[in-house]
Amino acid sequence: MADGCSLVVVSSTWGPHSLLGHDLSLPAAVAGALPSQHYKVVTVPHPVMWAWHGHRQVRAWLSQAQRQGSGLLPPEEGWRAALVASDLVIGDHGSVTLYAAALGRPVLLAAFPHEEVYPGSAIELMGRATPPLERGSALEPQIRQAIDGHAPQRGDWYAPLVSSVPGQAAARLRGLMYQMMRLTEPDTAAQTSPVPLPRLLPRLEGEPR
C-alpha cells in the first residue's frame, strides 16, 4: 500500500441481513467515492458466502468493486492482516467487525440486524455503541470523520469481551490440546507466527480492464 494512504476494509458476514446480503453494491460505492491517492479499499466476504454461492459467483458480484479499485481477499487467508493494517472497518454484525473494534480501529456499521443478535452479547453491545454508515449521504466525509475523530483507546472497551486472557491464547490452547492427548507438554514457550501478507484475487478472466 502506498505511503500515506488510509486502508478501508469492507467486511461482511454471511446471510441476507449481512453487509453484502443487504447491499452488494456497497464495496464498489466505497471504492468509487474515495480518491485513490488517499485511500485503498479491500473487501472481505465471509468464507460461508464463498462456500454457499461459489467462488465465481462471489467474484462476479464484486467485479465492479474491483474495477473501481477495491481489492478482494480470498476466504482462506488475508483478513487478519487486513484488520491489523486497517485505518477503518466498515462492517456488520459479524465477528470480524468486533475484532476490529477490539483492535482499536474505527468502525462504521453498514448493516446490523439487531433482532438477530443475542441481547447483551459482545456483538450487540458493539452494535449499540457504533455509528452507522449512512448510505444516502456522501461516503467520503463520513469515512474521513470516522478516522480523524476516532479514539484508539475505545478498543479497551471491546478487548475484554473478545478474550479474558489476551496474549495467552497460544499457551492455553496448546496446554489443553496436550492434556486431551494425554501427552507431556514441551517445556519451551508456545510459539506464534506473524500473519502472512495478504494476497489479493485478480479480476475474473474476461472482465473488462
N, C-alpha and C. Protein backbone atom coordinates (compact mmCIF):
# COMPACT_ATOMS: atom_id res chain seq x y z
N MET A 1 0.84 -1.18 0.00
CA MET A 1 0.00 0.00 0.00
C MET A 1 0.88 1.24 0.00
N ALA A 2 0.47 2.24 -0.76
CA ALA A 2 1.26 3.45 -0.87
C ALA A 2 1.33 4.17 0.47
N ASP A 3 2.49 4.79 0.73
CA ASP A 3 2.66 5.55 1.96
C ASP A 3 1.63 6.68 2.02
N GLY A 4 1.09 6.89 3.21
CA GLY A 4 0.15 7.99 3.41
C GLY A 4 -1.29 7.66 3.07
N CYS A 5 -1.55 6.48 2.52
CA CYS A 5 -2.92 6.08 2.20
C CYS A 5 -3.59 5.45 3.41
N SER A 6 -4.87 5.68 3.55
CA SER A 6 -5.66 5.03 4.60
C SER A 6 -6.29 3.78 4.02
N LEU A 7 -6.22 2.68 4.76
CA LEU A 7 -6.81 1.42 4.31
C LEU A 7 -8.20 1.26 4.91
N VAL A 8 -9.19 1.12 4.04
CA VAL A 8 -10.57 0.92 4.44
C VAL A 8 -10.94 -0.53 4.12
N VAL A 9 -11.32 -1.28 5.14
CA VAL A 9 -11.71 -2.69 4.97
C VAL A 9 -13.23 -2.79 5.03
N VAL A 10 -13.81 -3.38 3.99
CA VAL A 10 -15.25 -3.63 3.95
C VAL A 10 -15.46 -5.10 4.26
N SER A 11 -15.98 -5.40 5.44
CA SER A 11 -16.10 -6.78 5.92
C SER A 11 -17.56 -7.18 6.04
N SER A 12 -17.88 -8.36 5.52
CA SER A 12 -19.26 -8.84 5.57
C SER A 12 -19.31 -10.25 6.13
N THR A 13 -20.26 -10.50 7.04
CA THR A 13 -20.57 -11.86 7.42
C THR A 13 -21.48 -12.45 6.35
N TRP A 14 -22.15 -13.55 6.62
CA TRP A 14 -22.99 -14.20 5.62
C TRP A 14 -24.46 -14.03 5.98
N GLY A 15 -25.33 -14.30 5.02
CA GLY A 15 -26.76 -14.24 5.26
C GLY A 15 -27.41 -13.02 4.63
N PRO A 16 -28.73 -13.03 4.51
CA PRO A 16 -29.43 -11.95 3.81
C PRO A 16 -29.36 -10.60 4.50
N HIS A 17 -29.09 -10.59 5.80
CA HIS A 17 -29.03 -9.32 6.52
C HIS A 17 -27.59 -8.87 6.81
N SER A 18 -26.65 -9.52 6.18
CA SER A 18 -25.24 -9.09 6.29
C SER A 18 -25.01 -7.86 5.44
N LEU A 19 -23.79 -7.32 5.52
CA LEU A 19 -23.46 -6.15 4.72
C LEU A 19 -23.67 -6.41 3.23
N LEU A 20 -23.09 -7.52 2.72
CA LEU A 20 -23.24 -7.82 1.30
C LEU A 20 -24.61 -8.38 0.98
N GLY A 21 -25.24 -9.08 1.91
CA GLY A 21 -26.60 -9.53 1.69
C GLY A 21 -27.56 -8.36 1.58
N HIS A 22 -27.27 -7.30 2.30
CA HIS A 22 -28.11 -6.11 2.29
C HIS A 22 -27.83 -5.23 1.08
N ASP A 23 -26.57 -5.15 0.66
CA ASP A 23 -26.21 -4.22 -0.42
C ASP A 23 -24.92 -4.69 -1.09
N LEU A 24 -25.04 -5.44 -2.17
CA LEU A 24 -23.86 -5.93 -2.88
C LEU A 24 -23.07 -4.82 -3.55
N SER A 25 -23.70 -3.68 -3.76
CA SER A 25 -23.01 -2.59 -4.46
C SER A 25 -22.17 -1.72 -3.54
N LEU A 26 -22.22 -1.96 -2.23
CA LEU A 26 -21.52 -1.06 -1.30
C LEU A 26 -20.01 -1.03 -1.51
N PRO A 27 -19.31 -2.18 -1.68
CA PRO A 27 -17.86 -2.09 -1.89
C PRO A 27 -17.49 -1.23 -3.10
N ALA A 28 -18.24 -1.35 -4.19
CA ALA A 28 -17.97 -0.52 -5.37
C ALA A 28 -18.25 0.94 -5.07
N ALA A 29 -19.31 1.20 -4.31
CA ALA A 29 -19.64 2.59 -3.98
C ALA A 29 -18.56 3.22 -3.11
N VAL A 30 -18.05 2.45 -2.13
CA VAL A 30 -16.99 2.97 -1.26
C VAL A 30 -15.72 3.23 -2.07
N ALA A 31 -15.33 2.27 -2.88
CA ALA A 31 -14.11 2.44 -3.68
C ALA A 31 -14.25 3.60 -4.65
N GLY A 32 -15.44 3.76 -5.23
CA GLY A 32 -15.65 4.85 -6.18
C GLY A 32 -15.72 6.21 -5.54
N ALA A 33 -16.10 6.24 -4.25
CA ALA A 33 -16.25 7.53 -3.57
C ALA A 33 -14.96 8.06 -2.98
N LEU A 34 -13.95 7.19 -2.83
CA LEU A 34 -12.72 7.59 -2.15
C LEU A 34 -11.61 7.85 -3.17
N PRO A 35 -10.95 8.99 -3.09
CA PRO A 35 -9.83 9.26 -4.01
C PRO A 35 -8.69 8.27 -3.80
N SER A 36 -8.26 7.65 -4.90
CA SER A 36 -7.28 6.56 -4.80
C SER A 36 -5.92 7.02 -4.30
N GLN A 37 -5.62 8.29 -4.41
CA GLN A 37 -4.32 8.78 -3.92
C GLN A 37 -4.30 8.90 -2.40
N HIS A 38 -5.47 8.80 -1.78
CA HIS A 38 -5.54 8.93 -0.32
C HIS A 38 -6.07 7.69 0.38
N TYR A 39 -6.77 6.84 -0.34
CA TYR A 39 -7.40 5.67 0.27
C TYR A 39 -7.16 4.43 -0.58
N LYS A 40 -7.08 3.30 0.10
CA LYS A 40 -7.14 1.99 -0.52
C LYS A 40 -8.27 1.21 0.15
N VAL A 41 -8.98 0.42 -0.64
CA VAL A 41 -10.14 -0.31 -0.16
C VAL A 41 -9.91 -1.80 -0.42
N VAL A 42 -10.31 -2.64 0.54
CA VAL A 42 -10.26 -4.09 0.35
C VAL A 42 -11.55 -4.69 0.90
N THR A 43 -12.10 -5.66 0.17
CA THR A 43 -13.36 -6.30 0.56
C THR A 43 -13.09 -7.69 1.10
N VAL A 44 -13.75 -8.02 2.22
CA VAL A 44 -13.53 -9.31 2.89
C VAL A 44 -14.88 -10.01 3.07
N PRO A 45 -15.32 -10.84 2.13
CA PRO A 45 -16.55 -11.61 2.32
C PRO A 45 -16.31 -12.80 3.26
N HIS A 46 -17.33 -13.19 3.99
CA HIS A 46 -17.23 -14.32 4.91
C HIS A 46 -17.01 -15.62 4.12
N PRO A 47 -16.20 -16.56 4.66
CA PRO A 47 -15.99 -17.83 3.95
C PRO A 47 -17.27 -18.59 3.62
N VAL A 48 -18.30 -18.49 4.47
CA VAL A 48 -19.56 -19.19 4.16
C VAL A 48 -20.19 -18.65 2.88
N MET A 49 -20.03 -17.37 2.63
CA MET A 49 -20.56 -16.79 1.40
C MET A 49 -19.88 -17.41 0.18
N TRP A 50 -18.57 -17.60 0.26
CA TRP A 50 -17.85 -18.24 -0.83
C TRP A 50 -18.32 -19.69 -1.00
N ALA A 51 -18.46 -20.41 0.10
CA ALA A 51 -18.83 -21.82 0.04
C ALA A 51 -20.26 -22.00 -0.47
N TRP A 52 -21.16 -21.14 -0.06
CA TRP A 52 -22.56 -21.30 -0.42
C TRP A 52 -22.84 -20.91 -1.87
N HIS A 53 -22.29 -19.77 -2.29
CA HIS A 53 -22.59 -19.26 -3.63
C HIS A 53 -21.55 -19.66 -4.68
N GLY A 54 -20.36 -20.07 -4.25
CA GLY A 54 -19.32 -20.43 -5.20
C GLY A 54 -18.39 -19.25 -5.48
N HIS A 55 -17.13 -19.59 -5.74
CA HIS A 55 -16.12 -18.55 -5.93
C HIS A 55 -16.44 -17.66 -7.13
N ARG A 56 -16.83 -18.26 -8.23
CA ARG A 56 -17.04 -17.45 -9.43
C ARG A 56 -18.21 -16.48 -9.25
N GLN A 57 -19.27 -16.92 -8.55
CA GLN A 57 -20.40 -16.04 -8.32
C GLN A 57 -20.02 -14.86 -7.43
N VAL A 58 -19.31 -15.13 -6.34
CA VAL A 58 -18.91 -14.04 -5.45
C VAL A 58 -17.99 -13.07 -6.17
N ARG A 59 -17.06 -13.61 -6.95
CA ARG A 59 -16.15 -12.73 -7.68
C ARG A 59 -16.89 -11.92 -8.74
N ALA A 60 -17.91 -12.52 -9.35
CA ALA A 60 -18.70 -11.78 -10.33
C ALA A 60 -19.48 -10.65 -9.65
N TRP A 61 -20.05 -10.95 -8.47
CA TRP A 61 -20.77 -9.91 -7.75
C TRP A 61 -19.87 -8.73 -7.40
N LEU A 62 -18.62 -9.02 -7.08
CA LEU A 62 -17.71 -7.97 -6.62
C LEU A 62 -16.76 -7.47 -7.71
N SER A 63 -17.03 -7.86 -8.94
CA SER A 63 -16.15 -7.43 -10.04
C SER A 63 -16.20 -5.92 -10.25
N GLN A 64 -17.39 -5.32 -10.05
CA GLN A 64 -17.47 -3.87 -10.21
C GLN A 64 -16.64 -3.16 -9.14
N ALA A 65 -16.64 -3.69 -7.93
CA ALA A 65 -15.81 -3.10 -6.89
C ALA A 65 -14.34 -3.19 -7.26
N GLN A 66 -13.92 -4.31 -7.85
CA GLN A 66 -12.54 -4.44 -8.29
C GLN A 66 -12.23 -3.45 -9.40
N ARG A 67 -13.16 -3.26 -10.31
CA ARG A 67 -12.93 -2.27 -11.38
C ARG A 67 -12.81 -0.86 -10.81
N GLN A 68 -13.51 -0.62 -9.69
CA GLN A 68 -13.43 0.69 -9.04
C GLN A 68 -12.15 0.84 -8.23
N GLY A 69 -11.40 -0.26 -8.07
CA GLY A 69 -10.13 -0.17 -7.36
C GLY A 69 -10.08 -0.91 -6.04
N SER A 70 -11.17 -1.57 -5.64
CA SER A 70 -11.15 -2.31 -4.38
C SER A 70 -10.42 -3.64 -4.56
N GLY A 71 -9.59 -3.99 -3.59
CA GLY A 71 -9.01 -5.32 -3.57
C GLY A 71 -10.02 -6.32 -3.05
N LEU A 72 -9.82 -7.59 -3.38
CA LEU A 72 -10.70 -8.67 -2.93
C LEU A 72 -9.85 -9.77 -2.34
N LEU A 73 -10.12 -10.12 -1.08
CA LEU A 73 -9.33 -11.15 -0.39
C LEU A 73 -10.01 -12.51 -0.50
N PRO A 74 -9.22 -13.57 -0.66
CA PRO A 74 -9.78 -14.92 -0.71
C PRO A 74 -10.24 -15.35 0.67
N PRO A 75 -11.07 -16.42 0.74
CA PRO A 75 -11.59 -16.84 2.04
C PRO A 75 -10.56 -17.52 2.93
N GLU A 76 -9.47 -18.04 2.35
CA GLU A 76 -8.52 -18.83 3.14
C GLU A 76 -7.69 -17.99 4.09
N GLU A 77 -7.26 -16.83 3.66
CA GLU A 77 -6.35 -16.01 4.47
C GLU A 77 -6.33 -14.60 3.94
N GLY A 78 -5.92 -13.69 4.80
CA GLY A 78 -5.78 -12.29 4.40
C GLY A 78 -6.54 -11.33 5.28
N TRP A 79 -7.65 -11.80 5.87
CA TRP A 79 -8.46 -10.88 6.67
C TRP A 79 -7.74 -10.43 7.92
N ARG A 80 -6.90 -11.29 8.49
CA ARG A 80 -6.19 -10.90 9.71
C ARG A 80 -5.21 -9.77 9.44
N ALA A 81 -4.45 -9.90 8.38
CA ALA A 81 -3.50 -8.85 8.02
C ALA A 81 -4.23 -7.57 7.66
N ALA A 82 -5.37 -7.70 6.99
CA ALA A 82 -6.14 -6.51 6.61
C ALA A 82 -6.62 -5.76 7.85
N LEU A 83 -7.08 -6.49 8.86
CA LEU A 83 -7.52 -5.83 10.09
C LEU A 83 -6.38 -5.11 10.79
N VAL A 84 -5.23 -5.77 10.88
CA VAL A 84 -4.08 -5.16 11.54
C VAL A 84 -3.66 -3.87 10.84
N ALA A 85 -3.73 -3.88 9.50
CA ALA A 85 -3.28 -2.72 8.73
C ALA A 85 -4.36 -1.67 8.55
N SER A 86 -5.59 -1.97 8.93
CA SER A 86 -6.71 -1.09 8.60
C SER A 86 -6.67 0.23 9.36
N ASP A 87 -7.22 1.24 8.70
CA ASP A 87 -7.46 2.53 9.34
C ASP A 87 -8.94 2.72 9.64
N LEU A 88 -9.79 1.92 9.00
CA LEU A 88 -11.23 1.96 9.23
C LEU A 88 -11.82 0.64 8.73
N VAL A 89 -12.80 0.12 9.46
CA VAL A 89 -13.52 -1.07 9.02
C VAL A 89 -15.00 -0.73 8.91
N ILE A 90 -15.55 -1.01 7.74
CA ILE A 90 -16.99 -0.90 7.51
C ILE A 90 -17.53 -2.32 7.60
N GLY A 91 -18.41 -2.57 8.56
CA GLY A 91 -18.82 -3.94 8.79
C GLY A 91 -20.28 -4.09 9.14
N ASP A 92 -20.58 -5.21 9.80
CA ASP A 92 -21.93 -5.56 10.18
C ASP A 92 -21.88 -6.31 11.51
N HIS A 93 -22.76 -7.28 11.72
CA HIS A 93 -22.81 -8.00 12.99
C HIS A 93 -21.90 -9.22 13.00
N GLY A 94 -20.96 -9.29 12.08
CA GLY A 94 -20.01 -10.39 12.05
C GLY A 94 -18.89 -10.22 13.08
N SER A 95 -18.23 -11.32 13.39
CA SER A 95 -17.17 -11.29 14.41
C SER A 95 -15.98 -10.46 13.97
N VAL A 96 -15.70 -10.39 12.66
CA VAL A 96 -14.56 -9.60 12.19
C VAL A 96 -14.73 -8.13 12.57
N THR A 97 -15.95 -7.64 12.52
CA THR A 97 -16.20 -6.24 12.92
C THR A 97 -15.87 -6.04 14.40
N LEU A 98 -16.26 -6.99 15.23
CA LEU A 98 -15.94 -6.90 16.66
C LEU A 98 -14.43 -6.96 16.88
N TYR A 99 -13.73 -7.84 16.14
CA TYR A 99 -12.28 -7.91 16.28
C TYR A 99 -11.64 -6.57 15.93
N ALA A 100 -12.16 -5.92 14.90
CA ALA A 100 -11.62 -4.61 14.51
C ALA A 100 -11.80 -3.61 15.64
N ALA A 101 -12.98 -3.58 16.24
CA ALA A 101 -13.22 -2.67 17.36
C ALA A 101 -12.31 -2.97 18.52
N ALA A 102 -12.08 -4.27 18.79
CA ALA A 102 -11.20 -4.65 19.89
C ALA A 102 -9.75 -4.29 19.62
N LEU A 103 -9.37 -4.20 18.35
CA LEU A 103 -8.03 -3.77 17.98
C LEU A 103 -7.86 -2.25 18.09
N GLY A 104 -8.94 -1.56 18.37
CA GLY A 104 -8.87 -0.11 18.48
C GLY A 104 -9.04 0.60 17.16
N ARG A 105 -9.61 -0.08 16.17
CA ARG A 105 -9.83 0.53 14.87
C ARG A 105 -11.20 1.20 14.85
N PRO A 106 -11.34 2.32 14.15
CA PRO A 106 -12.67 2.91 13.99
C PRO A 106 -13.55 2.01 13.13
N VAL A 107 -14.82 1.96 13.47
CA VAL A 107 -15.77 1.07 12.79
C VAL A 107 -17.03 1.86 12.44
N LEU A 108 -17.55 1.59 11.26
CA LEU A 108 -18.87 2.07 10.84
C LEU A 108 -19.70 0.85 10.46
N LEU A 109 -20.97 0.86 10.82
CA LEU A 109 -21.85 -0.27 10.53
C LEU A 109 -22.70 0.03 9.30
N ALA A 110 -22.56 -0.81 8.28
CA ALA A 110 -23.37 -0.67 7.07
C ALA A 110 -24.63 -1.52 7.13
N ALA A 111 -24.65 -2.48 8.04
CA ALA A 111 -25.83 -3.31 8.27
C ALA A 111 -25.73 -3.86 9.69
N PHE A 112 -26.86 -3.92 10.36
CA PHE A 112 -26.85 -4.50 11.71
C PHE A 112 -28.28 -4.89 12.09
N PRO A 113 -28.64 -6.18 11.91
CA PRO A 113 -29.98 -6.64 12.27
C PRO A 113 -30.08 -6.91 13.77
N HIS A 114 -30.48 -5.92 14.51
CA HIS A 114 -30.50 -6.05 15.98
C HIS A 114 -31.34 -7.23 16.44
N GLU A 115 -32.39 -7.55 15.69
CA GLU A 115 -33.28 -8.63 16.10
C GLU A 115 -32.63 -10.01 15.96
N GLU A 116 -31.52 -10.11 15.22
CA GLU A 116 -30.84 -11.38 15.03
C GLU A 116 -29.66 -11.57 15.98
N VAL A 117 -29.36 -10.57 16.77
CA VAL A 117 -28.20 -10.61 17.65
C VAL A 117 -28.65 -10.85 19.08
N TYR A 118 -27.94 -11.74 19.77
CA TYR A 118 -28.33 -12.10 21.13
C TYR A 118 -28.19 -10.89 22.06
N PRO A 119 -29.24 -10.53 22.79
CA PRO A 119 -29.17 -9.36 23.68
C PRO A 119 -28.09 -9.51 24.75
N GLY A 120 -27.32 -8.45 24.93
CA GLY A 120 -26.27 -8.45 25.93
C GLY A 120 -24.97 -9.07 25.48
N SER A 121 -24.93 -9.61 24.26
CA SER A 121 -23.69 -10.20 23.75
C SER A 121 -22.71 -9.10 23.37
N ALA A 122 -21.45 -9.50 23.15
CA ALA A 122 -20.44 -8.52 22.75
C ALA A 122 -20.81 -7.85 21.44
N ILE A 123 -21.33 -8.63 20.49
CA ILE A 123 -21.73 -8.06 19.20
C ILE A 123 -22.87 -7.06 19.39
N GLU A 124 -23.83 -7.40 20.24
CA GLU A 124 -24.97 -6.49 20.45
C GLU A 124 -24.52 -5.20 21.11
N LEU A 125 -23.62 -5.28 22.06
CA LEU A 125 -23.10 -4.07 22.71
C LEU A 125 -22.35 -3.20 21.71
N MET A 126 -21.57 -3.84 20.85
CA MET A 126 -20.87 -3.08 19.81
C MET A 126 -21.86 -2.39 18.88
N GLY A 127 -22.92 -3.10 18.52
CA GLY A 127 -23.92 -2.53 17.62
C GLY A 127 -24.61 -1.31 18.19
N ARG A 128 -24.80 -1.30 19.50
CA ARG A 128 -25.45 -0.15 20.13
C ARG A 128 -24.52 1.04 20.25
N ALA A 129 -23.19 0.79 20.28
CA ALA A 129 -22.23 1.87 20.52
C ALA A 129 -21.54 2.36 19.25
N THR A 130 -21.80 1.72 18.12
CA THR A 130 -21.06 2.02 16.90
C THR A 130 -21.94 2.80 15.92
N PRO A 131 -21.43 3.87 15.34
CA PRO A 131 -22.25 4.67 14.41
C PRO A 131 -22.49 3.94 13.10
N PRO A 132 -23.61 4.25 12.45
CA PRO A 132 -23.90 3.63 11.16
C PRO A 132 -23.24 4.39 10.02
N LEU A 133 -23.05 3.70 8.91
CA LEU A 133 -22.68 4.34 7.66
C LEU A 133 -23.97 4.71 6.95
N GLU A 134 -24.18 5.99 6.74
CA GLU A 134 -25.41 6.46 6.12
C GLU A 134 -25.27 6.35 4.60
N ARG A 135 -25.96 5.36 4.04
CA ARG A 135 -25.82 5.09 2.60
C ARG A 135 -26.35 6.22 1.74
N GLY A 136 -27.32 6.97 2.26
CA GLY A 136 -27.90 8.05 1.48
C GLY A 136 -27.11 9.34 1.50
N SER A 137 -26.02 9.37 2.26
CA SER A 137 -25.18 10.56 2.35
C SER A 137 -23.83 10.29 1.70
N ALA A 138 -23.10 11.35 1.42
CA ALA A 138 -21.77 11.20 0.81
C ALA A 138 -20.89 10.33 1.70
N LEU A 139 -20.23 9.38 1.10
CA LEU A 139 -19.47 8.40 1.88
C LEU A 139 -18.12 8.92 2.36
N GLU A 140 -17.41 9.63 1.51
CA GLU A 140 -16.05 10.05 1.87
C GLU A 140 -16.01 10.93 3.12
N PRO A 141 -16.91 11.92 3.28
CA PRO A 141 -16.86 12.71 4.52
C PRO A 141 -17.13 11.87 5.77
N GLN A 142 -18.03 10.88 5.68
CA GLN A 142 -18.30 10.03 6.83
C GLN A 142 -17.07 9.20 7.21
N ILE A 143 -16.41 8.67 6.19
CA ILE A 143 -15.23 7.85 6.43
C ILE A 143 -14.09 8.69 6.99
N ARG A 144 -13.88 9.87 6.42
CA ARG A 144 -12.82 10.75 6.92
C ARG A 144 -13.08 11.18 8.35
N GLN A 145 -14.34 11.51 8.66
CA GLN A 145 -14.67 11.92 10.02
C GLN A 145 -14.46 10.78 11.01
N ALA A 146 -14.83 9.55 10.61
CA ALA A 146 -14.67 8.40 11.50
C ALA A 146 -13.20 8.14 11.80
N ILE A 147 -12.34 8.31 10.81
CA ILE A 147 -10.90 8.09 11.01
C ILE A 147 -10.30 9.21 11.85
N ASP A 148 -10.62 10.44 11.48
CA ASP A 148 -10.00 11.59 12.16
C ASP A 148 -10.49 11.74 13.60
N GLY A 149 -11.74 11.37 13.85
CA GLY A 149 -12.31 11.59 15.18
C GLY A 149 -12.24 10.39 16.11
N HIS A 150 -11.58 9.34 15.67
CA HIS A 150 -11.58 8.11 16.47
C HIS A 150 -10.58 8.18 17.61
N ALA A 151 -10.97 7.62 18.76
CA ALA A 151 -10.08 7.48 19.91
C ALA A 151 -9.66 6.01 20.01
N PRO A 152 -8.39 5.67 19.72
CA PRO A 152 -7.98 4.26 19.71
C PRO A 152 -8.23 3.53 21.03
N GLN A 153 -8.24 4.27 22.14
CA GLN A 153 -8.44 3.62 23.43
C GLN A 153 -9.84 3.01 23.57
N ARG A 154 -10.73 3.30 22.62
CA ARG A 154 -12.04 2.67 22.65
C ARG A 154 -11.91 1.15 22.50
N GLY A 155 -10.81 0.71 21.91
CA GLY A 155 -10.59 -0.73 21.81
C GLY A 155 -10.55 -1.41 23.16
N ASP A 156 -10.19 -0.65 24.20
CA ASP A 156 -10.15 -1.22 25.55
C ASP A 156 -11.55 -1.60 26.04
N TRP A 157 -12.59 -1.02 25.43
CA TRP A 157 -13.95 -1.40 25.81
C TRP A 157 -14.26 -2.82 25.33
N TYR A 158 -13.77 -3.14 24.14
CA TYR A 158 -14.19 -4.37 23.47
C TYR A 158 -13.22 -5.53 23.68
N ALA A 159 -11.96 -5.26 23.89
CA ALA A 159 -10.98 -6.34 24.01
C ALA A 159 -11.34 -7.35 25.09
N PRO A 160 -11.79 -6.93 26.29
CA PRO A 160 -12.16 -7.93 27.30
C PRO A 160 -13.37 -8.77 26.90
N LEU A 161 -14.18 -8.27 25.96
CA LEU A 161 -15.33 -9.04 25.50
C LEU A 161 -14.92 -10.12 24.51
N VAL A 162 -13.76 -9.94 23.88
CA VAL A 162 -13.25 -10.92 22.92
C VAL A 162 -12.45 -12.00 23.64
N SER A 163 -11.64 -11.60 24.64
CA SER A 163 -10.81 -12.56 25.37
C SER A 163 -10.58 -12.05 26.79
N SER A 164 -10.76 -12.94 27.74
CA SER A 164 -10.48 -12.59 29.13
C SER A 164 -9.01 -12.80 29.48
N VAL A 165 -8.26 -13.42 28.56
CA VAL A 165 -6.83 -13.67 28.78
C VAL A 165 -6.04 -13.25 27.52
N PRO A 166 -6.06 -11.98 27.17
CA PRO A 166 -5.37 -11.56 25.95
C PRO A 166 -3.88 -11.87 26.01
N GLY A 167 -3.36 -12.34 24.87
CA GLY A 167 -1.95 -12.68 24.78
C GLY A 167 -1.60 -14.07 25.27
N GLN A 168 -2.58 -14.80 25.78
CA GLN A 168 -2.30 -16.13 26.33
C GLN A 168 -2.93 -17.26 25.52
N ALA A 169 -3.50 -16.96 24.39
CA ALA A 169 -4.24 -17.97 23.63
C ALA A 169 -3.35 -19.14 23.23
N ALA A 170 -2.16 -18.85 22.71
CA ALA A 170 -1.28 -19.92 22.23
C ALA A 170 -0.92 -20.88 23.35
N ALA A 171 -0.54 -20.35 24.50
CA ALA A 171 -0.14 -21.21 25.62
C ALA A 171 -1.32 -22.02 26.14
N ARG A 172 -2.48 -21.39 26.27
CA ARG A 172 -3.62 -22.08 26.84
C ARG A 172 -4.15 -23.15 25.89
N LEU A 173 -4.21 -22.83 24.60
CA LEU A 173 -4.71 -23.81 23.63
C LEU A 173 -3.76 -25.00 23.51
N ARG A 174 -2.45 -24.73 23.50
CA ARG A 174 -1.51 -25.83 23.43
C ARG A 174 -1.61 -26.71 24.67
N GLY A 175 -1.71 -26.09 25.83
CA GLY A 175 -1.84 -26.87 27.05
C GLY A 175 -3.07 -27.76 27.04
N LEU A 176 -4.18 -27.22 26.56
CA LEU A 176 -5.41 -28.00 26.50
C LEU A 176 -5.27 -29.16 25.52
N MET A 177 -4.65 -28.91 24.37
CA MET A 177 -4.52 -29.98 23.37
C MET A 177 -3.62 -31.11 23.89
N TYR A 178 -2.52 -30.76 24.53
CA TYR A 178 -1.66 -31.81 25.08
C TYR A 178 -2.37 -32.58 26.20
N GLN A 179 -3.17 -31.87 26.99
CA GLN A 179 -3.93 -32.53 28.04
C GLN A 179 -4.93 -33.52 27.45
N MET A 180 -5.61 -33.12 26.36
CA MET A 180 -6.58 -34.00 25.72
C MET A 180 -5.91 -35.23 25.09
N MET A 181 -4.68 -35.04 24.60
CA MET A 181 -3.96 -36.16 24.01
C MET A 181 -3.21 -37.00 25.05
N ARG A 182 -3.25 -36.54 26.32
CA ARG A 182 -2.58 -37.22 27.43
C ARG A 182 -1.08 -37.34 27.15
N LEU A 183 -0.52 -36.24 26.69
CA LEU A 183 0.90 -36.16 26.42
C LEU A 183 1.52 -35.08 27.29
N THR A 184 2.83 -35.19 27.49
CA THR A 184 3.55 -34.18 28.25
C THR A 184 3.82 -32.97 27.37
N GLU A 185 3.45 -31.82 27.87
CA GLU A 185 3.64 -30.59 27.09
C GLU A 185 5.11 -30.20 27.09
N PRO A 186 5.64 -29.71 25.95
CA PRO A 186 7.04 -29.27 25.91
C PRO A 186 7.32 -28.16 26.92
N ASP A 187 8.58 -28.09 27.33
CA ASP A 187 8.97 -27.05 28.29
C ASP A 187 9.12 -25.69 27.64
N THR A 188 9.32 -25.67 26.33
CA THR A 188 9.50 -24.40 25.62
C THR A 188 8.19 -23.64 25.53
N ALA A 189 8.31 -22.33 25.39
CA ALA A 189 7.12 -21.49 25.29
C ALA A 189 6.39 -21.75 23.98
N ALA A 190 5.08 -21.66 24.03
CA ALA A 190 4.28 -21.80 22.81
C ALA A 190 4.62 -20.66 21.85
N GLN A 191 4.78 -21.01 20.57
CA GLN A 191 5.21 -20.05 19.58
C GLN A 191 4.03 -19.57 18.74
N THR A 192 4.07 -18.31 18.37
CA THR A 192 3.11 -17.76 17.41
C THR A 192 3.88 -17.14 16.26
N SER A 193 3.27 -17.09 15.11
CA SER A 193 3.92 -16.55 13.92
C SER A 193 3.15 -15.32 13.44
N PRO A 194 3.84 -14.35 12.86
CA PRO A 194 3.14 -13.20 12.27
C PRO A 194 2.19 -13.67 11.18
N VAL A 195 1.07 -12.99 11.04
CA VAL A 195 0.14 -13.36 9.98
C VAL A 195 0.78 -13.09 8.63
N PRO A 196 0.49 -13.93 7.62
CA PRO A 196 1.11 -13.73 6.31
C PRO A 196 0.57 -12.49 5.61
N LEU A 197 1.35 -11.97 4.68
CA LEU A 197 0.89 -10.85 3.89
C LEU A 197 -0.30 -11.28 3.04
N PRO A 198 -1.28 -10.41 2.88
CA PRO A 198 -2.47 -10.80 2.10
C PRO A 198 -2.17 -10.92 0.61
N ARG A 199 -2.92 -11.78 -0.04
CA ARG A 199 -2.82 -11.97 -1.49
C ARG A 199 -4.16 -11.62 -2.11
N LEU A 200 -4.20 -10.55 -2.85
CA LEU A 200 -5.45 -10.12 -3.47
C LEU A 200 -5.77 -10.98 -4.68
N LEU A 201 -7.06 -11.24 -4.87
CA LEU A 201 -7.50 -12.01 -6.03
C LEU A 201 -7.52 -11.12 -7.28
N PRO A 202 -7.08 -11.66 -8.42
CA PRO A 202 -7.18 -10.90 -9.67
C PRO A 202 -8.63 -10.85 -10.13
N ARG A 203 -8.92 -9.97 -11.06
CA ARG A 203 -10.25 -9.93 -11.65
C ARG A 203 -10.48 -11.20 -12.45
N LEU A 204 -11.74 -11.58 -12.59
CA LEU A 204 -12.10 -12.74 -13.38
C LEU A 204 -11.64 -12.58 -14.82
N GLU A 205 -11.23 -13.68 -15.43
CA GLU A 205 -10.86 -13.63 -16.84
C GLU A 205 -12.07 -13.21 -17.66
N GLY A 206 -11.81 -12.35 -18.63
CA GLY A 206 -12.89 -11.84 -19.46
C GLY A 206 -13.49 -10.54 -18.96
N GLU A 207 -13.12 -10.15 -17.71
CA GLU A 207 -13.61 -8.87 -17.19
C GLU A 207 -12.92 -7.72 -17.93
N PRO A 208 -13.65 -6.68 -18.30
CA PRO A 208 -13.02 -5.54 -18.96
C PRO A 208 -12.06 -4.84 -18.04
N ARG A 209 -10.96 -4.33 -18.60
CA ARG A 209 -9.97 -3.63 -17.80
C ARG A 209 -10.34 -2.16 -17.64
